[in-house]
Amino acid sequence: QVRLVESGGGSVKAGESLTLSCKTSGLIFDDYCMAWFRQVPGKEREGVSSINWLGKLTFYQNSVKDRFTISRDNAADTVSLQMNNLEPEDTAMYYCAAIKNPHCLSYQHDAAHWGQSGVAYWGQGTQVTVSS
């Protein structure tokens, strides 16, 4: 059984930081590009960041570039998202996703409009709330 379990969400003030983690099990972690998406009620789920299987290539939505850093630990089957200088606009439910290819094909550019058809597995989500 494949599981993706996110943790690390919470409520913070603008300018503060959070680190999200996603622990996976039941899959061959190296076979997957890993990504983070986020969703606000009433809006489409949007891509935030992705990282290829080796951890050498990373991609970001323009609005989070220079503030967020994605990383992965293939020995621990875990992907993380370090979020600095958070803004109220970052408030959302954040989801970890395993993408069906290891190279993040179709999940590299224009993150805000990434589709969901290439996602093999989703986590249950973790809430991030940023107050001004």
Protein backbone atom coordinates (compact mmCIF):
# COMPACT_ATOMS: atom_id res chain seq x y z
CA GLN A 1 0.00 0.00 0.00
CA VAL A 2 1.41 3.35 -1.06
CA ARG A 3 1.26 6.15 1.47
CA LEU A 4 2.36 9.77 1.34
CA VAL A 5 2.11 11.47 4.72
CA GLU A 6 2.68 15.20 5.02
CA SER A 7 3.60 17.03 8.19
CA GLY A 8 4.86 20.42 9.27
CA GLY A 9 1.95 22.66 8.45
CA GLY A 10 0.69 25.27 10.88
CA SER A 11 -0.24 28.88 11.51
CA VAL A 12 2.45 31.53 11.30
CA LYS A 13 2.79 35.26 10.75
CA ALA A 14 3.97 36.87 7.54
CA GLY A 15 7.73 36.73 7.24
CA GLU A 16 8.08 33.54 9.26
CA SER A 17 9.12 30.10 8.03
CA LEU A 18 7.78 26.56 7.92
CA THR A 19 9.19 23.29 6.66
CA LEU A 20 6.83 20.70 5.22
CA SER A 21 7.85 17.07 5.04
CA CYS A 22 6.35 14.17 3.13
CA LYS A 23 7.25 10.65 4.17
CA THR A 24 6.47 8.02 1.57
CA SER A 25 6.16 4.26 1.83
CA GLY A 26 5.14 1.42 -0.43
CA LEU A 27 6.72 2.80 -3.59
CA ILE A 28 10.16 2.81 -5.19
CA PHE A 29 10.92 6.41 -4.27
CA ASP A 30 13.73 6.83 -6.84
CA ASP A 31 11.26 6.08 -9.66
CA TYR A 32 9.31 9.25 -9.03
CA CYS A 33 9.65 12.94 -9.49
CA MET A 34 8.19 14.46 -6.34
CA ALA A 35 6.15 17.63 -6.20
CA TRP A 36 4.22 19.94 -3.93
CA PHE A 37 0.86 21.39 -4.87
CA ARG A 38 -1.43 23.71 -2.95
CA GLN A 39 -5.10 24.51 -3.00
CA VAL A 40 -7.32 27.20 -1.60
CA PRO A 41 -11.04 26.47 -1.20
CA GLY A 42 -12.91 27.34 -4.37
CA LYS A 43 -9.79 27.42 -6.51
CA GLU A 44 -7.91 24.91 -8.66
CA ARG A 45 -5.06 22.98 -7.17
CA GLU A 46 -1.81 24.53 -8.37
CA GLY A 47 1.75 23.33 -8.58
CA VAL A 48 4.32 24.85 -6.27
CA SER A 49 7.56 22.97 -6.82
CA SER A 50 9.03 19.74 -8.13
CA ILE A 51 12.29 17.82 -7.86
CA ASN A 52 13.62 15.10 -10.11
CA TRP A 53 14.52 11.62 -8.91
CA LEU A 54 18.15 12.45 -8.26
CA GLY A 55 17.43 15.75 -6.56
CA LYS A 56 19.59 17.64 -9.02
CA LEU A 57 16.83 19.49 -10.86
CA THR A 58 14.25 21.64 -9.11
CA PHE A 59 11.40 23.74 -10.45
CA TYR A 60 9.29 26.41 -8.81
CA GLN A 61 6.21 28.49 -9.34
CA ASN A 62 7.31 32.07 -9.95
CA SER A 63 5.56 33.38 -6.85
CA VAL A 64 7.64 31.16 -4.54
CA LYS A 65 11.02 31.28 -6.25
CA ASP A 66 13.75 32.56 -3.92
CA ARG A 67 11.52 31.88 -0.89
CA PHE A 68 10.84 28.12 -1.07
CA THR A 69 13.36 25.30 -1.40
CA ILE A 70 12.45 21.73 -2.28
CA SER A 71 14.73 18.83 -1.37
CA ARG A 72 14.58 15.07 -1.13
CA ASP A 73 16.31 12.34 0.80
CA ASN A 74 16.21 9.16 -1.23
CA ALA A 75 17.60 7.12 1.64
CA ALA A 76 14.68 8.17 3.81
CA ASP A 77 12.02 8.23 1.06
CA THR A 78 11.17 11.78 2.05
CA VAL A 79 10.65 15.07 0.26
CA SER A 80 10.65 18.43 2.02
CA LEU A 81 9.65 22.00 1.26
CA GLN A 82 11.41 24.76 3.17
CA MET A 83 9.22 27.87 3.05
CA ASN A 84 10.79 31.17 4.10
CA ASN A 85 9.40 34.68 4.23
CA LEU A 86 5.85 33.38 4.07
CA GLU A 87 3.12 35.65 2.78
CA PRO A 88 -0.64 35.60 3.46
CA GLU A 89 -1.06 34.56 -0.20
CA ASP A 90 0.73 31.30 0.63
CA THR A 91 -2.19 30.23 2.83
CA ALA A 92 -3.49 26.94 1.43
CA MET A 93 -3.68 23.21 1.92
CA TYR A 94 -0.37 21.79 0.71
CA TYR A 95 -0.24 18.37 -0.92
CA CYS A 96 2.69 16.10 -1.61
CA ALA A 97 2.55 14.26 -4.95
CA ALA A 98 4.47 11.45 -6.60
CA ILE A 99 4.73 12.06 -10.34
CA LYS A 100 4.64 9.06 -12.70
CA ASN A 101 8.06 9.78 -14.24
CA PRO A 102 11.41 10.38 -12.53
CA HIS A 103 12.43 13.40 -14.60
CA CYS A 104 9.46 15.68 -13.84
CA LEU A 105 8.40 15.73 -17.49
CA SER A 106 5.41 18.07 -17.81
CA TYR A 107 6.11 19.28 -14.26
CA GLN A 108 8.94 21.68 -14.87
CA HIS A 109 7.60 24.99 -16.12
CA ASP A 110 4.47 27.04 -15.55
CA ALA A 111 3.90 25.36 -12.22
CA ALA A 112 0.74 27.31 -11.51
CA HIS A 113 -0.94 25.37 -14.34
CA TRP A 114 0.40 21.87 -13.83
CA GLY A 115 -2.19 19.22 -14.54
CA GLN A 116 -2.98 16.34 -12.25
CA SER A 117 -3.06 13.54 -14.79
CA GLY A 118 0.62 12.77 -14.27
CA VAL A 119 0.27 12.34 -10.52
CA ALA A 120 0.45 8.74 -9.42
CA TYR A 121 -0.15 9.30 -5.71
CA TRP A 122 -1.29 12.11 -3.43
CA GLY A 123 -0.82 12.80 0.22
CA GLN A 124 -3.72 13.84 2.42
CA GLY A 125 -2.56 17.45 2.74
CA THR A 126 -1.30 19.72 5.48
CA GLN A 127 -2.71 23.19 6.16
CA VAL A 128 -0.54 26.29 6.06
CA THR A 129 -2.05 29.52 7.32
CA VAL A 130 -0.16 32.80 7.16
CA SER A 131 -1.57 35.86 8.88
CA SER A 132 -0.55 39.44 8.16
